[in-house]
PDB file of N, CA and C in Angstrom:
ATOM      1  N   MET A   1       8.988  11.309  23.981  1.00  0.00           N
ATOM      2  CA  MET A   1      10.091  11.294  24.924  1.00  0.00           C
ATOM      3  C   MET A   1      10.211   9.910  25.538  1.00  0.00           C
ATOM      4  N   ILE A   2      11.453   9.531  25.835  1.00  0.00           N
ATOM      5  CA  ILE A   2      11.698   8.255  26.495  1.00  0.00           C
ATOM      6  C   ILE A   2      12.160   8.466  27.920  1.00  0.00           C
ATOM      7  N   GLU A   3      13.237   9.275  28.086  1.00  0.00           N
ATOM      8  CA  GLU A   3      13.791   9.437  29.425  1.00  0.00           C
ATOM      9  C   GLU A   3      14.635  10.692  29.532  1.00  0.00           C
ATOM     10  N   ILE A   4      14.879  11.049  30.794  1.00  0.00           N
ATOM     11  CA  ILE A   4      15.796  12.133  31.124  1.00  0.00           C
ATOM     12  C   ILE A   4      16.822  11.552  32.083  1.00  0.00           C
ATOM     13  N   THR A   5      18.102  11.742  31.774  1.00  0.00           N
ATOM     14  CA  THR A   5      19.132  11.322  32.718  1.00  0.00           C
ATOM     15  C   THR A   5      19.711  12.556  33.381  1.00  0.00           C
ATOM     16  N   ALA A   6      20.028  12.407  34.659  1.00  0.00           N
ATOM     17  CA  ALA A   6      20.578  13.505  35.444  1.00  0.00           C
ATOM     18  C   ALA A   6      21.815  13.028  36.181  1.00  0.00           C
ATOM     19  N   ASN A   7      22.874  13.822  36.140  1.00  0.00           N
ATOM     20  CA  ASN A   7      24.109  13.533  36.871  1.00  0.00           C
ATOM     21  C   ASN A   7      24.477  14.760  37.695  1.00  0.00           C
ATOM     22  N   HIS A   8      24.375  14.613  39.013  1.00  0.00           N
ATOM     23  CA  HIS A   8      24.656  15.716  39.935  1.00  0.00           C
ATOM     24  C   HIS A   8      25.863  15.348  40.788  1.00  0.00           C
ATOM     25  N   ASP A   9      26.728  16.323  41.037  1.00  0.00           N
ATOM     26  CA  ASP A   9      27.976  16.069  41.764  1.00  0.00           C
ATOM     27  C   ASP A   9      27.775  15.486  43.156  1.00  0.00           C
ATOM     28  N   THR A  10      26.743  15.902  43.885  1.00  0.00           N
ATOM     29  CA  THR A  10      26.547  15.406  45.254  1.00  0.00           C
ATOM     30  C   THR A  10      25.313  14.530  45.419  1.00  0.00           C
ATOM     31  N   ILE A  11      24.294  14.733  44.612  1.00  0.00           N
ATOM     32  CA  ILE A  11      23.058  13.944  44.729  1.00  0.00           C
ATOM     33  C   ILE A  11      23.199  12.601  44.018  1.00  0.00           C
ATOM     34  N   GLY A  12      24.010  12.570  42.967  1.00  0.00           N
ATOM     35  CA  GLY A  12      24.236  11.337  42.233  1.00  0.00           C
ATOM     36  C   GLY A  12      23.549  11.325  40.880  1.00  0.00           C
ATOM     37  N   SER A  13      23.431  10.137  40.301  1.00  0.00           N
ATOM     38  CA  SER A  13      22.824   9.959  38.985  1.00  0.00           C
ATOM     39  C   SER A  13      21.424   9.400  39.124  1.00  0.00           C
ATOM     40  N   TYR A  14      20.561   9.813  38.209  1.00  0.00           N
ATOM     41  CA  TYR A  14      19.171   9.361  38.251  1.00  0.00           C
ATOM     42  C   TYR A  14      18.606   9.387  36.843  1.00  0.00           C
ATOM     43  N   THR A  15      17.685   8.474  36.560  1.00  0.00           N
ATOM     44  CA  THR A  15      16.974   8.461  35.284  1.00  0.00           C
ATOM     45  C   THR A  15      15.497   8.666  35.550  1.00  0.00           C
ATOM     46  N   PHE A  16      14.927   9.678  34.907  1.00  0.00           N
ATOM     47  CA  PHE A  16      13.494   9.965  35.013  1.00  0.00           C
ATOM     48  C   PHE A  16      12.801   9.374  33.798  1.00  0.00           C
ATOM     49  N   SER A  17      11.783   8.551  34.028  1.00  0.00           N
ATOM     50  CA  SER A  17      10.979   8.007  32.933  1.00  0.00           C
ATOM     51  C   SER A  17       9.863   8.984  32.594  1.00  0.00           C
ATOM     52  N   ILE A  18       9.471   8.986  31.323  1.00  0.00           N
ATOM     53  CA  ILE A  18       8.415   9.876  30.842  1.00  0.00           C
ATOM     54  C   ILE A  18       7.162   9.039  30.577  1.00  0.00           C
ATOM     55  N   PRO A  19       5.982   9.475  31.055  1.00  0.00           N
ATOM     56  CA  PRO A  19       4.760   8.734  30.756  1.00  0.00           C
ATOM     57  C   PRO A  19       4.526   8.658  29.244  1.00  0.00           C
ATOM     58  N   SER A  20       4.019   7.530  28.778  1.00  0.00           N
ATOM     59  CA  SER A  20       3.779   7.375  27.337  1.00  0.00           C
ATOM     60  C   SER A  20       2.733   8.378  26.865  1.00  0.00           C
ATOM     61  N   GLU A  21       2.854   8.773  25.620  1.00  0.00           N
ATOM     62  CA  GLU A  21       1.950   9.700  24.946  1.00  0.00           C
ATOM     63  C   GLU A  21       1.927  11.097  25.552  1.00  0.00           C
ATOM     64  N   GLU A  22       2.947  11.448  26.325  1.00  0.00           N
ATOM     65  CA  GLU A  22       3.048  12.799  26.873  1.00  0.00           C
ATOM     66  C   GLU A  22       3.922  13.646  25.956  1.00  0.00           C
ATOM     67  N   ASP A  23       3.611  14.915  25.882  1.00  0.00           N
ATOM     68  CA  ASP A  23       4.365  15.839  25.055  1.00  0.00           C
ATOM     69  C   ASP A  23       5.373  16.592  25.914  1.00  0.00           C
ATOM     70  N   ALA A  24       6.402  17.101  25.286  1.00  0.00           N
ATOM     71  CA  ALA A  24       7.393  17.941  25.946  1.00  0.00           C
ATOM     72  C   ALA A  24       7.544  19.206  25.122  1.00  0.00           C
ATOM     73  N   THR A  25       7.778  20.329  25.799  1.00  0.00           N
ATOM     74  CA  THR A  25       8.056  21.569  25.081  1.00  0.00           C
ATOM     75  C   THR A  25       9.507  21.941  25.326  1.00  0.00           C
ATOM     76  N   VAL A  26      10.149  22.438  24.269  1.00  0.00           N
ATOM     77  CA  VAL A  26      11.583  22.704  24.314  1.00  0.00           C
ATOM     78  C   VAL A  26      11.868  24.112  23.810  1.00  0.00           C
ATOM     79  N   ASP A  27      12.722  24.823  24.541  1.00  0.00           N
ATOM     80  CA  ASP A  27      13.281  26.103  24.091  1.00  0.00           C
ATOM     81  C   ASP A  27      14.788  25.947  24.213  1.00  0.00           C
ATOM     82  N   LEU A  28      15.502  25.999  23.104  1.00  0.00           N
ATOM     83  CA  LEU A  28      16.945  25.764  23.107  1.00  0.00           C
ATOM     84  C   LEU A  28      17.736  26.844  23.831  1.00  0.00           C
ATOM     85  N   GLY A  29      17.117  27.998  24.089  1.00  0.00           N
ATOM     86  CA  GLY A  29      17.827  29.079  24.769  1.00  0.00           C
ATOM     87  C   GLY A  29      18.790  29.774  23.841  1.00  0.00           C
ATOM     88  N   GLY A  30      19.725  30.514  24.415  1.00  0.00           N
ATOM     89  CA  GLY A  30      20.716  31.226  23.616  1.00  0.00           C
ATOM     90  C   GLY A  30      20.403  32.702  23.535  1.00  0.00           C
ATOM     91  N   ILE A  31      20.219  33.216  22.322  1.00  0.00           N
ATOM     92  CA  ILE A  31      19.965  34.634  22.095  1.00  0.00           C
ATOM     93  C   ILE A  31      18.523  34.832  21.635  1.00  0.00           C
ATOM     94  N   LYS A  32      17.855  35.803  22.241  1.00  0.00           N
ATOM     95  CA  LYS A  32      16.498  36.181  21.835  1.00  0.00           C
ATOM     96  C   LYS A  32      16.584  37.564  21.212  1.00  0.00           C
ATOM     97  N   SER A  33      15.954  37.738  20.064  1.00  0.00           N
ATOM     98  CA  SER A  33      15.989  39.012  19.356  1.00  0.00           C
ATOM     99  C   SER A  33      14.581  39.590  19.298  1.00  0.00           C
ATOM    100  N   GLU A  34      14.460  40.880  19.599  1.00  0.00           N
ATOM    101  CA  GLU A  34      13.182  41.583  19.492  1.00  0.00           C
ATOM    102  C   GLU A  34      13.394  42.847  18.673  1.00  0.00           C
ATOM    103  N   ILE A  35      12.465  43.125  17.799  1.00  0.00           N
ATOM    104  CA  ILE A  35      12.546  44.306  16.950  1.00  0.00           C
ATOM    105  C   ILE A  35      11.559  45.349  17.460  1.00  0.00           C
ATOM    106  N   THR A  36      12.067  46.554  17.666  1.00  0.00           N
ATOM    107  CA  THR A  36      11.213  47.707  17.952  1.00  0.00           C
ATOM    108  C   THR A  36      11.509  48.751  16.880  1.00  0.00           C
ATOM    109  N   VAL A  37      10.716  49.796  16.871  1.00  0.00           N
ATOM    110  CA  VAL A  37      10.877  50.808  15.826  1.00  0.00           C
ATOM    111  C   VAL A  37      11.224  52.146  16.474  1.00  0.00           C
ATOM    112  N   ALA A  38      12.213  52.828  15.898  1.00  0.00           N
ATOM    113  CA  ALA A  38      12.607  54.173  16.340  1.00  0.00           C
ATOM    114  C   ALA A  38      11.632  55.204  15.773  1.00  0.00           C
ATOM    115  N   GLY A  39      11.730  56.418  16.277  1.00  0.00           N
ATOM    116  CA  GLY A  39      10.838  57.486  15.832  1.00  0.00           C
ATOM    117  C   GLY A  39      10.908  57.760  14.336  1.00  0.00           C
ATOM    118  N   ASP A  40      12.060  57.526  13.718  1.00  0.00           N
ATOM    119  CA  ASP A  40      12.188  57.766  12.268  1.00  0.00           C
ATOM    120  C   ASP A  40      11.749  56.555  11.439  1.00  0.00           C
ATOM    121  N   GLY A  41      11.260  55.512  12.119  1.00  0.00           N
ATOM    122  CA  GLY A  41      10.775  54.329  11.402  1.00  0.00           C
ATOM    123  C   GLY A  41      11.803  53.233  11.228  1.00  0.00           C
ATOM    124  N   SER A  42      13.057  53.503  11.549  1.00  0.00           N
ATOM    125  CA  SER A  42      14.078  52.461  11.414  1.00  0.00           C
ATOM    126  C   SER A  42      13.934  51.441  12.550  1.00  0.00           C
ATOM    127  N   SER A  43      14.411  50.248  12.292  1.00  0.00           N
ATOM    128  CA  SER A  43      14.261  49.187  13.286  1.00  0.00           C
ATOM    129  C   SER A  43      15.410  49.190  14.281  1.00  0.00           C
ATOM    130  N   ILE A  44      15.080  48.779  15.503  1.00  0.00           N
ATOM    131  CA  ILE A  44      16.067  48.605  16.561  1.00  0.00           C
ATOM    132  C   ILE A  44      16.007  47.140  16.961  1.00  0.00           C
ATOM    133  N   ASP A  45      17.123  46.451  16.790  1.00  0.00           N
ATOM    134  CA  ASP A  45      17.198  45.023  17.123  1.00  0.00           C
ATOM    135  C   ASP A  45      17.797  44.887  18.526  1.00  0.00           C
ATOM    136  N   THR A  46      16.973  44.475  19.475  1.00  0.00           N
ATOM    137  CA  THR A  46      17.429  44.268  20.845  1.00  0.00           C
ATOM    138  C   THR A  46      17.680  42.788  21.053  1.00  0.00           C
ATOM    139  N   MET A  47      18.917  42.426  21.377  1.00  0.00           N
ATOM    140  CA  MET A  47      19.284  41.026  21.562  1.00  0.00           C
ATOM    141  C   MET A  47      19.645  40.788  23.025  1.00  0.00           C
ATOM    142  N   THR A  48      19.025  39.764  23.612  1.00  0.00           N
ATOM    143  CA  THR A  48      19.296  39.414  25.009  1.00  0.00           C
ATOM    144  C   THR A  48      19.471  37.907  25.129  1.00  0.00           C
ATOM    145  N   ARG A  49      20.202  37.497  26.138  1.00  0.00           N
ATOM    146  CA  ARG A  49      20.374  36.062  26.395  1.00  0.00           C
ATOM    147  C   ARG A  49      19.160  35.527  27.138  1.00  0.00           C
ATOM    148  N   LYS A  50      18.830  34.261  26.860  1.00  0.00           N
ATOM    149  CA  LYS A  50      17.750  33.598  27.582  1.00  0.00           C
ATOM    150  C   LYS A  50      18.172  32.172  27.898  1.00  0.00           C
ATOM    151  N   PRO A  51      17.631  31.594  28.975  1.00  0.00           N
ATOM    152  CA  PRO A  51      18.001  30.230  29.337  1.00  0.00           C
ATOM    153  C   PRO A  51      17.311  29.213  28.434  1.00  0.00           C
ATOM    154  N   TRP A  52      17.881  28.003  28.373  1.00  0.00           N
ATOM    155  CA  TRP A  52      17.166  26.910  27.718  1.00  0.00           C
ATOM    156  C   TRP A  52      16.089  26.424  28.673  1.00  0.00           C
ATOM    157  N   LYS A  53      15.059  25.767  28.125  1.00  0.00           N
ATOM    158  CA  LYS A  53      13.961  25.279  28.958  1.00  0.00           C
ATOM    159  C   LYS A  53      13.389  24.002  28.358  1.00  0.00           C
ATOM    160  N   PHE A  54      13.102  23.042  29.201  1.00  0.00           N
ATOM    161  CA  PHE A  54      12.517  21.776  28.790  1.00  0.00           C
ATOM    162  C   PHE A  54      11.396  21.454  29.772  1.00  0.00           C
ATOM    163  N   GLU A  55      10.146  21.443  29.301  1.00  0.00           N
ATOM    164  CA  GLU A  55       8.991  21.171  30.156  1.00  0.00           C
ATOM    165  C   GLU A  55       8.389  19.823  29.788  1.00  0.00           C
ATOM    166  N   VAL A  56       8.259  18.948  30.800  1.00  0.00           N
ATOM    167  CA  VAL A  56       7.768  17.598  30.545  1.00  0.00           C
ATOM    168  C   VAL A  56       7.291  16.969  31.860  1.00  0.00           C
ATOM    169  N   PRO A  57       6.260  16.119  31.818  1.00  0.00           N
ATOM    170  CA  PRO A  57       5.914  15.365  33.023  1.00  0.00           C
ATOM    171  C   PRO A  57       6.841  14.154  33.163  1.00  0.00           C
ATOM    172  N   VAL A  58       7.162  13.793  34.397  1.00  0.00           N
ATOM    173  CA  VAL A  58       7.949  12.582  34.652  1.00  0.00           C
ATOM    174  C   VAL A  58       7.120  11.623  35.501  1.00  0.00           C
ATOM    175  N   CYS A  59       7.395  10.330  35.358  1.00  0.00           N
ATOM    176  CA  CYS A  59       6.690   9.305  36.125  1.00  0.00           C
ATOM    177  C   CYS A  59       7.059   9.412  37.605  1.00  0.00           C
ATOM    178  N   TRP A  60       6.083   9.114  38.452  1.00  0.00           N
ATOM    179  CA  TRP A  60       6.299   9.181  39.899  1.00  0.00           C
ATOM    180  C   TRP A  60       5.681   7.967  40.551  1.00  0.00           C
ATOM    181  N   ASP A  61       6.506   7.018  40.954  1.00  0.00           N
ATOM    182  CA  ASP A  61       6.062   5.834  41.684  1.00  0.00           C
ATOM    183  C   ASP A  61       6.390   6.068  43.158  1.00  0.00           C
ATOM    184  N   VAL A  62       5.376   6.478  43.932  1.00  0.00           N
ATOM    185  CA  VAL A  62       5.618   6.854  45.330  1.00  0.00           C
ATOM    186  C   VAL A  62       6.010   5.666  46.204  1.00  0.00           C
ATOM    187  N   LEU A  63       5.779   4.446  45.742  1.00  0.00           N
ATOM    188  CA  LEU A  63       6.127   3.267  46.538  1.00  0.00           C
ATOM    189  C   LEU A  63       7.547   2.779  46.267  1.00  0.00           C
ATOM    190  N   ASP A  64       8.124   3.190  45.146  1.00  0.00           N
ATOM    191  CA  ASP A  64       9.423   2.663  44.752  1.00  0.00           C
ATOM    192  C   ASP A  64      10.550   3.676  44.939  1.00  0.00           C
ATOM    193  N   VAL A  65      10.485   4.784  44.237  1.00  0.00           N
ATOM    194  CA  VAL A  65      11.559   5.771  44.238  1.00  0.00           C
ATOM    195  C   VAL A  65      10.962   7.128  44.589  1.00  0.00           C
ATOM    196  N   ASN A  66      11.673   7.892  45.405  1.00  0.00           N
ATOM    197  CA  ASN A  66      11.163   9.205  45.777  1.00  0.00           C
ATOM    198  C   ASN A  66      11.616  10.260  44.769  1.00  0.00           C
ATOM    199  N   THR A  67      11.033  10.199  43.589  1.00  0.00           N
ATOM    200  CA  THR A  67      11.374  11.099  42.498  1.00  0.00           C
ATOM    201  C   THR A  67      11.161  12.555  42.899  1.00  0.00           C
ATOM    202  N   LEU A  68      10.070  12.823  43.599  1.00  0.00           N
ATOM    203  CA  LEU A  68       9.768  14.193  44.003  1.00  0.00           C
ATOM    204  C   LEU A  68      10.867  14.751  44.913  1.00  0.00           C
ATOM    205  N   ASP A  69      11.364  13.938  45.837  1.00  0.00           N
ATOM    206  CA  ASP A  69      12.433  14.369  46.729  1.00  0.00           C
ATOM    207  C   ASP A  69      13.734  14.626  45.966  1.00  0.00           C
ATOM    208  N   ILE A  70      14.045  13.773  45.001  1.00  0.00           N
ATOM    209  CA  ILE A  70      15.270  13.947  44.207  1.00  0.00           C
ATOM    210  C   ILE A  70      15.199  15.249  43.413  1.00  0.00           C
ATOM    211  N   LEU A  71      14.043  15.515  42.782  1.00  0.00           N
ATOM    212  CA  LEU A  71      13.875  16.764  42.036  1.00  0.00           C
ATOM    213  C   LEU A  71      13.995  17.969  42.968  1.00  0.00           C
ATOM    214  N   GLN A  72      13.396  17.878  44.164  1.00  0.00           N
ATOM    215  CA  GLN A  72      13.461  18.977  45.123  1.00  0.00           C
ATOM    216  C   GLN A  72      14.899  19.231  45.573  1.00  0.00           C
ATOM    217  N   ARG A  73      15.645  18.155  45.820  1.00  0.00           N
ATOM    218  CA  ARG A  73      17.047  18.303  46.230  1.00  0.00           C
ATOM    219  C   ARG A  73      17.881  18.952  45.121  1.00  0.00           C
ATOM    220  N   MET A  74      17.598  18.596  43.850  1.00  0.00           N
ATOM    221  CA  MET A  74      18.295  19.232  42.729  1.00  0.00           C
ATOM    222  C   MET A  74      17.950  20.715  42.660  1.00  0.00           C
ATOM    223  N   GLN A  75      16.684  21.038  42.926  1.00  0.00           N
ATOM    224  CA  GLN A  75      16.263  22.433  42.878  1.00  0.00           C
ATOM    225  C   GLN A  75      16.913  23.252  43.997  1.00  0.00           C
ATOM    226  N   GLU A  76      17.072  22.660  45.158  1.00  0.00           N
ATOM    227  CA  GLU A  76      17.651  23.363  46.304  1.00  0.00           C
ATOM    228  C   GLU A  76      19.160  23.512  46.222  1.00  0.00           C
ATOM    229  N   SER A  77      19.804  22.714  45.400  1.00  0.00           N
ATOM    230  CA  SER A  77      21.265  22.724  45.318  1.00  0.00           C
ATOM    231  C   SER A  77      21.782  23.920  44.530  1.00  0.00           C
ATOM    232  N   PRO A  78      22.848  24.558  45.019  1.00  0.00           N
ATOM    233  CA  PRO A  78      23.467  25.635  44.234  1.00  0.00           C
ATOM    234  C   PRO A  78      24.287  25.096  43.052  1.00  0.00           C
ATOM    235  N   VAL A  79      24.541  23.784  43.046  1.00  0.00           N
ATOM    236  CA  VAL A  79      25.304  23.142  41.965  1.00  0.00           C
ATOM    237  C   VAL A  79      24.315  22.643  40.907  1.00  0.00           C
ATOM    238  N   HIS A  80      24.554  23.024  39.655  1.00  0.00           N
ATOM    239  CA  HIS A  80      23.664  22.594  38.584  1.00  0.00           C
ATOM    240  C   HIS A  80      23.931  21.143  38.187  1.00  0.00           C
ATOM    241  N   THR A  81      22.950  20.544  37.548  1.00  0.00           N
ATOM    242  CA  THR A  81      22.964  19.136  37.166  1.00  0.00           C
ATOM    243  C   THR A  81      23.177  19.012  35.656  1.00  0.00           C
ATOM    244  N   ASP A  82      23.916  17.984  35.223  1.00  0.00           N
ATOM    245  CA  ASP A  82      24.037  17.662  33.798  1.00  0.00           C
ATOM    246  C   ASP A  82      22.852  16.800  33.403  1.00  0.00           C
ATOM    247  N   PHE A  83      22.071  17.266  32.408  1.00  0.00           N
ATOM    248  CA  PHE A  83      20.893  16.539  31.944  1.00  0.00           C
ATOM    249  C   PHE A  83      21.055  16.106  30.495  1.00  0.00           C
ATOM    250  N   THR A  84      20.493  14.936  30.158  1.00  0.00           N
ATOM    251  CA  THR A  84      20.270  14.568  28.763  1.00  0.00           C
ATOM    252  C   THR A  84      18.794  14.209  28.627  1.00  0.00           C
ATOM    253  N   PHE A  85      18.206  14.642  27.527  1.00  0.00           N
ATOM    254  CA  PHE A  85      16.795  14.419  27.228  1.00  0.00           C
ATOM    255  C   PHE A  85      16.730  13.583  25.962  1.00  0.00           C
ATOM    256  N   THR A  86      16.219  12.351  26.064  1.00  0.00           N
ATOM    257  CA  THR A  86      16.217  11.422  24.940  1.00  0.00           C
ATOM    258  C   THR A  86      14.811  11.274  24.371  1.00  0.00           C
ATOM    259  N   ASN A  87      14.690  11.519  23.074  1.00  0.00           N
ATOM    260  CA  ASN A  87      13.427  11.387  22.360  1.00  0.00           C
ATOM    261  C   ASN A  87      13.351  10.005  21.727  1.00  0.00           C
ATOM    262  N   ILE A  88      12.137   9.517  21.497  1.00  0.00           N
ATOM    263  CA  ILE A  88      11.947   8.198  20.888  1.00  0.00           C
ATOM    264  C   ILE A  88      12.556   8.127  19.488  1.00  0.00           C
ATOM    265  N   SER A  89      12.715   9.272  18.825  1.00  0.00           N
ATOM    266  CA  SER A  89      13.316   9.315  17.486  1.00  0.00           C
ATOM    267  C   SER A  89      14.810   9.036  17.517  1.00  0.00           C
ATOM    268  N   GLY A  90      15.399   9.089  18.725  1.00  0.00           N
ATOM    269  CA  GLY A  90      16.841   8.924  18.853  1.00  0.00           C
ATOM    270  C   GLY A  90      17.563  10.240  19.087  1.00  0.00           C
ATOM    271  N   ALA A  91      16.855  11.358  18.915  1.00  0.00           N
ATOM    272  CA  ALA A  91      17.465  12.665  19.170  1.00  0.00           C
ATOM    273  C   ALA A  91      17.747  12.812  20.666  1.00  0.00           C
ATOM    274  N   ILE A  92      18.914  13.347  20.986  1.00  0.00           N
ATOM    275  CA  ILE A  92      19.314  13.565  22.380  1.00  0.00           C
ATOM    276  C   ILE A  92      19.751  15.017  22.529  1.00  0.00           C
ATOM    277  N   PHE A  93      19.206  15.682  23.540  1.00  0.00           N
ATOM    278  CA  PHE A  93      19.580  17.053  23.868  1.00  0.00           C
ATOM    279  C   PHE A  93      20.274  17.045  25.220  1.00  0.00           C
ATOM    280  N   ALA A  94      21.241  17.941  25.407  1.00  0.00           N
ATOM    281  CA  ALA A  94      21.988  18.003  26.661  1.00  0.00           C
ATOM    282  C   ALA A  94      22.120  19.437  27.127  1.00  0.00           C
ATOM    283  N   GLY A  95      22.087  19.605  28.461  1.00  0.00           N
ATOM    284  CA  GLY A  95      22.283  20.920  29.047  1.00  0.00           C
ATOM    285  C   GLY A  95      22.585  20.805  30.527  1.00  0.00           C
ATOM    286  N   LYS A  96      23.117  21.873  31.083  1.00  0.00           N
ATOM    287  CA  LYS A  96      23.434  21.920  32.508  1.00  0.00           C
ATOM    288  C   LYS A  96      22.475  22.915  33.145  1.00  0.00           C
ATOM    289  N   GLY A  97      21.726  22.475  34.171  1.00  0.00           N
ATOM    290  CA  GLY A  97      20.743  23.345  34.796  1.00  0.00           C
ATOM    291  C   GLY A  97      20.111  22.691  36.009  1.00  0.00           C
ATOM    292  N   LYS A  98      18.831  23.008  36.228  1.00  0.00           N
ATOM    293  CA  LYS A  98      18.138  22.476  37.394  1.00  0.00           C
ATOM    294  C   LYS A  98      16.631  22.560  37.187  1.00  0.00           C
ATOM    295  N   PRO A  99      15.854  21.792  37.977  1.00  0.00           N
ATOM    296  CA  PRO A  99      14.402  21.955  37.953  1.00  0.00           C
ATOM    297  C   PRO A  99      14.050  23.298  38.588  1.00  0.00           C
ATOM    298  N   VAL A 100      13.050  23.985  38.041  1.00  0.00           N
ATOM    299  CA  VAL A 100      12.621  25.269  38.588  1.00  0.00           C
ATOM    300  C   VAL A 100      11.096  25.290  38.734  1.00  0.00           C
ATOM    301  N   GLY A 101      10.606  26.244  39.518  1.00  0.00           N
ATOM    302  CA  GLY A 101       9.162  26.404  39.690  1.00  0.00           C
ATOM    303  C   GLY A 101       8.593  25.421  40.698  1.00  0.00           C
ATOM    304  N   ASP A 102       7.270  25.338  40.725  1.00  0.00           N
ATOM    305  CA  ASP A 102       6.585  24.444  41.658  1.00  0.00           C
ATOM    306  C   ASP A 102       6.796  22.992  41.263  1.00  0.00           C
ATOM    307  N   LEU A 103       7.136  22.174  42.243  1.00  0.00           N
ATOM    308  CA  LEU A 103       7.276  20.727  42.035  1.00  0.00           C
ATOM    309  C   LEU A 103       6.150  20.047  42.801  1.00  0.00           C
ATOM    310  N   THR A 104       5.085  19.740  42.096  1.00  0.00           N
ATOM    311  CA  THR A 104       3.946  19.077  42.725  1.00  0.00           C
ATOM    312  C   THR A 104       3.622  17.815  41.944  1.00  0.00           C
ATOM    313  N   GLY A 105       3.409  16.729  42.680  1.00  0.00           N
ATOM    314  CA  GLY A 105       3.110  15.455  42.054  1.00  0.00           C
ATOM    315  C   GLY A 105       1.629  15.133  42.116  1.00  0.00           C
ATOM    316  N   SER A 106       1.141  14.479  41.079  1.00  0.00           N
ATOM    317  CA  SER A 106      -0.238  14.008  41.049  1.00  0.00           C
ATOM    318  C   SER A 106      -0.254  12.539  41.461  1.00  0.00           C
ATOM    319  N   MET A 107      -0.856  12.248  42.608  1.00  0.00           N
ATOM    320  CA  MET A 107      -0.925  10.856  43.060  1.00  0.00           C
ATOM    321  C   MET A 107      -1.894  10.057  42.196  1.00  0.00           C
ATOM    322  N   LYS A 108      -2.923  10.699  41.666  1.00  0.00           N
ATOM    323  CA  LYS A 108      -3.884  10.014  40.799  1.00  0.00           C
ATOM    324  C   LYS A 108      -3.229   9.601  39.481  1.00  0.00           C
ATOM    325  N   ASP A 109      -2.487  10.540  38.861  1.00  0.00           N
ATOM    326  CA  ASP A 109      -1.868  10.281  37.560  1.00  0.00           C
ATOM    327  C   ASP A 109      -0.462   9.709  37.666  1.00  0.00           C
ATOM    328  N   SER A 110       0.110   9.681  38.870  1.00  0.00           N
ATOM    329  CA  SER A 110       1.471   9.175  39.110  1.00  0.00           C
ATOM    330  C   SER A 110       2.511   9.889  38.253  1.00  0.00           C
ATOM    331  N   LYS A 111       2.408  11.219  38.208  1.00  0.00           N
ATOM    332  CA  LYS A 111       3.400  11.991  37.460  1.00  0.00           C
ATOM    333  C   LYS A 111       3.605  13.355  38.098  1.00  0.00           C
ATOM    334  N   ILE A 112       4.749  13.948  37.760  1.00  0.00           N
ATOM    335  CA  ILE A 112       5.134  15.266  38.246  1.00  0.00           C
ATOM    336  C   ILE A 112       5.444  16.121  37.026  1.00  0.00           C
ATOM    337  N   SER A 113       4.818  17.288  36.907  1.00  0.00           N
ATOM    338  CA  SER A 113       5.145  18.214  35.824  1.00  0.00           C
ATOM    339  C   SER A 113       6.384  18.997  36.236  1.00  0.00           C
ATOM    340  N   VAL A 114       7.406  18.974  35.377  1.00  0.00           N
ATOM    341  CA  VAL A 114       8.686  19.584  35.726  1.00  0.00           C
ATOM    342  C   VAL A 114       9.153  20.509  34.607  1.00  0.00           C
ATOM    343  N   THR A 115       9.710  21.647  35.009  1.00  0.00           N
ATOM    344  CA  THR A 115      10.396  22.536  34.084  1.00  0.00           C
ATOM    345  C   THR A 115      11.874  22.506  34.444  1.00  0.00           C
ATOM    346  N   PHE A 116      12.684  22.046  33.503  1.00  0.00           N
ATOM    347  CA  PHE A 116      14.140  22.056  33.653  1.00  0.00           C
ATOM    348  C   PHE A 116      14.658  23.261  32.883  1.00  0.00           C
ATOM    349  N   THR A 117      15.619  23.984  33.442  1.00  0.00           N
ATOM    350  CA  THR A 117      16.166  25.143  32.741  1.00  0.00           C
ATOM    351  C   THR A 117      17.622  25.359  33.136  1.00  0.00           C
ATOM    352  N   GLY A 118      18.345  26.082  32.282  1.00  0.00           N
ATOM    353  CA  GLY A 118      19.751  26.352  32.565  1.00  0.00           C
ATOM    354  C   GLY A 118      20.311  27.411  31.643  1.00  0.00           C
ATOM    355  N   GLY A 119      21.523  27.833  31.901  1.00  0.00           N
ATOM    356  CA  GLY A 119      22.172  28.867  31.107  1.00  0.00           C
ATOM    357  C   GLY A 119      22.722  28.311  29.803  1.00  0.00           C
ATOM    358  N   GLY A 120      23.071  29.206  28.927  1.00  0.00           N
ATOM    359  CA  GLY A 120      23.612  28.789  27.637  1.00  0.00           C
ATOM    360  C   GLY A 120      22.530  28.246  26.728  1.00  0.00           C
ATOM    361  N   ARG A 121      22.897  27.237  25.957  1.00  0.00           N
ATOM    362  CA  ARG A 121      21.950  26.605  25.025  1.00  0.00           C
ATOM    363  C   ARG A 121      21.792  25.132  25.350  1.00  0.00           C
ATOM    364  N   LEU A 122      20.618  24.611  25.055  1.00  0.00           N
ATOM    365  CA  LEU A 122      20.381  23.172  25.084  1.00  0.00           C
ATOM    366  C   LEU A 122      20.905  22.651  23.755  1.00  0.00           C
ATOM    367  N   GLU A 123      21.880  21.759  23.804  1.00  0.00           N
ATOM    368  CA  GLU A 123      22.552  21.299  22.581  1.00  0.00           C
ATOM    369  C   GLU A 123      22.074  19.922  22.154  1.00  0.00           C
ATOM    370  N   LYS A 124      21.884  19.741  20.849  1.00  0.00           N
ATOM    371  CA  LYS A 124      21.585  18.413  20.306  1.00  0.00           C
ATOM    372  C   LYS A 124      22.910  17.679  20.158  1.00  0.00           C
ATOM    373  N   ILE A 125      22.998  16.469  20.737  1.00  0.00           N
ATOM    374  CA  ILE A 125      24.249  15.709  20.660  1.00  0.00           C
ATOM    375  C   ILE A 125      24.074  14.445  19.837  1.00  0.00           C
TER     376      ILE A 125
END
C-alpha cells in the first residue's frame, strides 16, 4: 500500500500514508452467499448484502498532523467520506464510507490501525 485519500464534505481532504512493509486486508463487499441444507437434502442459498471493508495501519506523526483527530471526526460524522486506496502495483480501489471501531494510536510505532467500511462495493478504478 502507498496511500489512502479521503474527501469529506465538511472535514475536507486528507491523505493518509501507510507504513512501509505493512499489509492491508480487503473485502470488496456486495453480496454474501451461504449454503444451508433443507430436510430433504436440497440446498438453500441465502444471499445477503455486506459492506466493503479495508483494514490497514496508517502513519501517525503526533508532532505534525493530528491524524487521529481527523479519523475520529470522520467516524463521528453522519456524512460518509469518499476514499481511494492506492497500492504500490498501481491498483486503486474506491468506496464511500467511514472509519469504524476503536481508533487507537501507538505512540511507540507511530501508527493507527484503522478499519474503513461502507455500503455497496469497493470498486477497482
